Amino acid sequence: MIVGFAGLIYAMGVKSASVDEARTDIDKLAATVNDLARAQASAAVADATHTKTLEEIQRRLGHLEERIR
């Protein structure tokens, strides 16, 4: 009976360690996903800024072309 109880405690300890390890991995994954989302948002803002700048340049070039003709 003592051996059975010791085996039960050991099994619970192994499961607890597995759960702790999985939790650590999930926390790392969550941090990585958070960083990825921030990077994607920053890239979207930068793309919008570049698009606006390119549209402004295109508009200015259009005015220059009209003046040259």
N, C-alpha and C. Protein backbone atom coordinates (compact mmCIF):
# COMPACT_ATOMS: atom_id res chain seq x y z
N MET A 1 0.81 -1.19 0.00
CA MET A 1 0.00 0.00 0.00
C MET A 1 0.87 1.27 0.00
N ILE A 2 1.95 1.22 0.74
CA ILE A 2 2.87 2.35 0.79
C ILE A 2 3.48 2.58 -0.59
N VAL A 3 3.82 1.49 -1.27
CA VAL A 3 4.39 1.60 -2.61
C VAL A 3 3.37 2.24 -3.56
N GLY A 4 2.12 1.85 -3.44
CA GLY A 4 1.06 2.42 -4.27
C GLY A 4 0.89 3.90 -4.01
N PHE A 5 0.91 4.30 -2.75
CA PHE A 5 0.79 5.71 -2.37
C PHE A 5 1.98 6.51 -2.89
N ALA A 6 3.19 5.95 -2.74
CA ALA A 6 4.39 6.62 -3.24
C ALA A 6 4.32 6.76 -4.76
N GLY A 7 3.82 5.74 -5.43
CA GLY A 7 3.67 5.81 -6.89
C GLY A 7 2.68 6.88 -7.30
N LEU A 8 1.61 7.02 -6.55
CA LEU A 8 0.60 8.05 -6.81
C LEU A 8 1.19 9.45 -6.64
N ILE A 9 1.94 9.63 -5.57
CA ILE A 9 2.58 10.93 -5.32
C ILE A 9 3.59 11.24 -6.43
N TYR A 10 4.36 10.23 -6.84
CA TYR A 10 5.33 10.43 -7.91
C TYR A 10 4.63 10.81 -9.21
N ALA A 11 3.55 10.12 -9.54
CA ALA A 11 2.80 10.40 -10.76
C ALA A 11 2.25 11.82 -10.74
N MET A 12 1.76 12.24 -9.59
CA MET A 12 1.24 13.61 -9.46
C MET A 12 2.35 14.63 -9.64
N GLY A 13 3.52 14.33 -9.12
CA GLY A 13 4.67 15.23 -9.27
C GLY A 13 5.09 15.34 -10.72
N VAL A 14 5.10 14.22 -11.43
CA VAL A 14 5.48 14.23 -12.84
C VAL A 14 4.47 15.04 -13.65
N LYS A 15 3.18 14.84 -13.37
CA LYS A 15 2.14 15.60 -14.07
C LYS A 15 2.25 17.07 -13.75
N SER A 16 2.54 17.40 -12.50
CA SER A 16 2.68 18.79 -12.11
C SER A 16 3.86 19.44 -12.84
N ALA A 17 4.95 18.72 -12.95
CA ALA A 17 6.12 19.24 -13.67
C ALA A 17 5.78 19.43 -15.14
N SER A 18 5.03 18.51 -15.72
CA SER A 18 4.63 18.63 -17.12
C SER A 18 3.73 19.84 -17.33
N VAL A 19 2.82 20.05 -16.40
CA VAL A 19 1.92 21.19 -16.49
C VAL A 19 2.71 22.49 -16.35
N ASP A 20 3.65 22.54 -15.42
CA ASP A 20 4.49 23.73 -15.24
C ASP A 20 5.30 24.02 -16.50
N GLU A 21 5.86 22.99 -17.10
CA GLU A 21 6.65 23.16 -18.33
C GLU A 21 5.76 23.66 -19.47
N ALA A 22 4.57 23.09 -19.59
CA ALA A 22 3.64 23.52 -20.63
C ALA A 22 3.23 24.98 -20.41
N ARG A 23 3.01 25.35 -19.17
CA ARG A 23 2.63 26.74 -18.85
C ARG A 23 3.74 27.70 -19.22
N THR A 24 4.97 27.33 -18.95
CA THR A 24 6.11 28.16 -19.32
C THR A 24 6.19 28.32 -20.83
N ASP A 25 6.00 27.23 -21.55
CA ASP A 25 6.02 27.29 -23.02
C ASP A 25 4.88 28.16 -23.55
N ILE A 26 3.71 28.06 -22.95
CA ILE A 26 2.57 28.87 -23.38
C ILE A 26 2.83 30.35 -23.10
N ASP A 27 3.43 30.65 -21.97
CA ASP A 27 3.77 32.05 -21.66
C ASP A 27 4.76 32.61 -22.68
N LYS A 28 5.76 31.81 -23.05
CA LYS A 28 6.74 32.24 -24.05
C LYS A 28 6.07 32.46 -25.40
N LEU A 29 5.16 31.55 -25.76
CA LEU A 29 4.43 31.68 -27.02
C LEU A 29 3.56 32.93 -27.01
N ALA A 30 2.90 33.19 -25.91
CA ALA A 30 2.05 34.38 -25.80
C ALA A 30 2.88 35.66 -25.94
N ALA A 31 4.06 35.70 -25.35
CA ALA A 31 4.93 36.86 -25.47
C ALA A 31 5.39 37.04 -26.92
N THR A 32 5.70 35.95 -27.59
CA THR A 32 6.13 36.01 -28.98
C THR A 32 5.00 36.51 -29.87
N VAL A 33 3.80 36.01 -29.66
CA VAL A 33 2.64 36.45 -30.44
C VAL A 33 2.37 37.93 -30.19
N ASN A 34 2.51 38.37 -28.95
CA ASN A 34 2.32 39.78 -28.62
C ASN A 34 3.34 40.65 -29.36
N ASP A 35 4.60 40.24 -29.36
CA ASP A 35 5.64 40.98 -30.07
C ASP A 35 5.37 41.00 -31.57
N LEU A 36 4.92 39.89 -32.11
CA LEU A 36 4.60 39.82 -33.53
C LEU A 36 3.45 40.76 -33.88
N ALA A 37 2.43 40.80 -33.05
CA ALA A 37 1.30 41.70 -33.29
C ALA A 37 1.74 43.16 -33.25
N ARG A 38 2.60 43.50 -32.31
CA ARG A 38 3.13 44.88 -32.24
C ARG A 38 3.94 45.22 -33.49
N ALA A 39 4.77 44.28 -33.91
CA ALA A 39 5.60 44.52 -35.10
C ALA A 39 4.72 44.68 -36.33
N GLN A 40 3.68 43.87 -36.44
CA GLN A 40 2.78 43.97 -37.58
C GLN A 40 2.04 45.31 -37.57
N ALA A 41 1.61 45.76 -36.42
CA ALA A 41 0.93 47.05 -36.30
C ALA A 41 1.88 48.18 -36.68
N SER A 42 3.11 48.10 -36.22
CA SER A 42 4.10 49.13 -36.56
C SER A 42 4.37 49.15 -38.06
N ALA A 43 4.45 47.97 -38.65
CA ALA A 43 4.68 47.90 -40.10
C ALA A 43 3.50 48.47 -40.86
N ALA A 44 2.30 48.23 -40.39
CA ALA A 44 1.11 48.78 -41.06
C ALA A 44 1.11 50.30 -41.00
N VAL A 45 1.48 50.86 -39.85
CA VAL A 45 1.56 52.31 -39.72
C VAL A 45 2.63 52.87 -40.65
N ALA A 46 3.77 52.21 -40.70
CA ALA A 46 4.85 52.66 -41.58
C ALA A 46 4.42 52.57 -43.04
N ASP A 47 3.72 51.49 -43.41
CA ASP A 47 3.22 51.35 -44.79
C ASP A 47 2.26 52.47 -45.13
N ALA A 48 1.36 52.79 -44.20
CA ALA A 48 0.40 53.87 -44.44
C ALA A 48 1.12 55.20 -44.62
N THR A 49 2.13 55.43 -43.82
CA THR A 49 2.91 56.67 -43.93
C THR A 49 3.63 56.73 -45.27
N HIS A 50 4.23 55.63 -45.67
CA HIS A 50 4.92 55.59 -46.96
C HIS A 50 3.95 55.78 -48.12
N THR A 51 2.78 55.17 -48.01
CA THR A 51 1.77 55.32 -49.05
C THR A 51 1.35 56.77 -49.18
N LYS A 52 1.14 57.41 -48.05
CA LYS A 52 0.75 58.82 -48.06
C LYS A 52 1.85 59.67 -48.69
N THR A 53 3.09 59.40 -48.34
CA THR A 53 4.21 60.15 -48.90
C THR A 53 4.31 59.94 -50.41
N LEU A 54 4.17 58.69 -50.84
CA LEU A 54 4.24 58.41 -52.28
C LEU A 54 3.09 59.06 -53.04
N GLU A 55 1.91 59.08 -52.45
CA GLU A 55 0.78 59.75 -53.09
C GLU A 55 1.03 61.24 -53.22
N GLU A 56 1.62 61.84 -52.20
CA GLU A 56 1.96 63.27 -52.25
C GLU A 56 2.99 63.53 -53.34
N ILE A 57 3.99 62.70 -53.44
CA ILE A 57 5.01 62.86 -54.49
C ILE A 57 4.37 62.71 -55.87
N GLN A 58 3.49 61.74 -56.00
CA GLN A 58 2.81 61.54 -57.28
C GLN A 58 1.96 62.75 -57.64
N ARG A 59 1.30 63.31 -56.66
CA ARG A 59 0.48 64.51 -56.91
C ARG A 59 1.36 65.67 -57.36
N ARG A 60 2.48 65.86 -56.69
CA ARG A 60 3.39 66.95 -57.05
C ARG A 60 3.96 66.76 -58.44
N LEU A 61 4.32 65.51 -58.77
CA LEU A 61 4.83 65.25 -60.12
C LEU A 61 3.75 65.50 -61.17
N GLY A 62 2.51 65.18 -60.85
CA GLY A 62 1.41 65.44 -61.76
C GLY A 62 1.27 66.93 -62.02
N HIS A 63 1.39 67.75 -60.98
CA HIS A 63 1.33 69.21 -61.16
C HIS A 63 2.49 69.71 -62.02
N LEU A 64 3.66 69.18 -61.78
CA LEU A 64 4.83 69.58 -62.59
C LEU A 64 4.64 69.22 -64.05
N GLU A 65 4.12 68.03 -64.30
CA GLU A 65 3.88 67.61 -65.69
C GLU A 65 2.88 68.52 -66.37
N GLU A 66 1.84 68.92 -65.64
CA GLU A 66 0.85 69.82 -66.21
C GLU A 66 1.46 71.18 -66.53
N ARG A 67 2.34 71.67 -65.68
CA ARG A 67 2.98 72.98 -65.91
C ARG A 67 3.94 72.93 -67.08
N ILE A 68 4.59 71.78 -67.27
CA ILE A 68 5.57 71.63 -68.36
C ILE A 68 4.86 71.61 -69.71
N ARG A 69 3.71 71.02 -69.78
CA ARG A 69 2.98 70.89 -71.05
C ARG A 69 2.49 72.19 -71.46
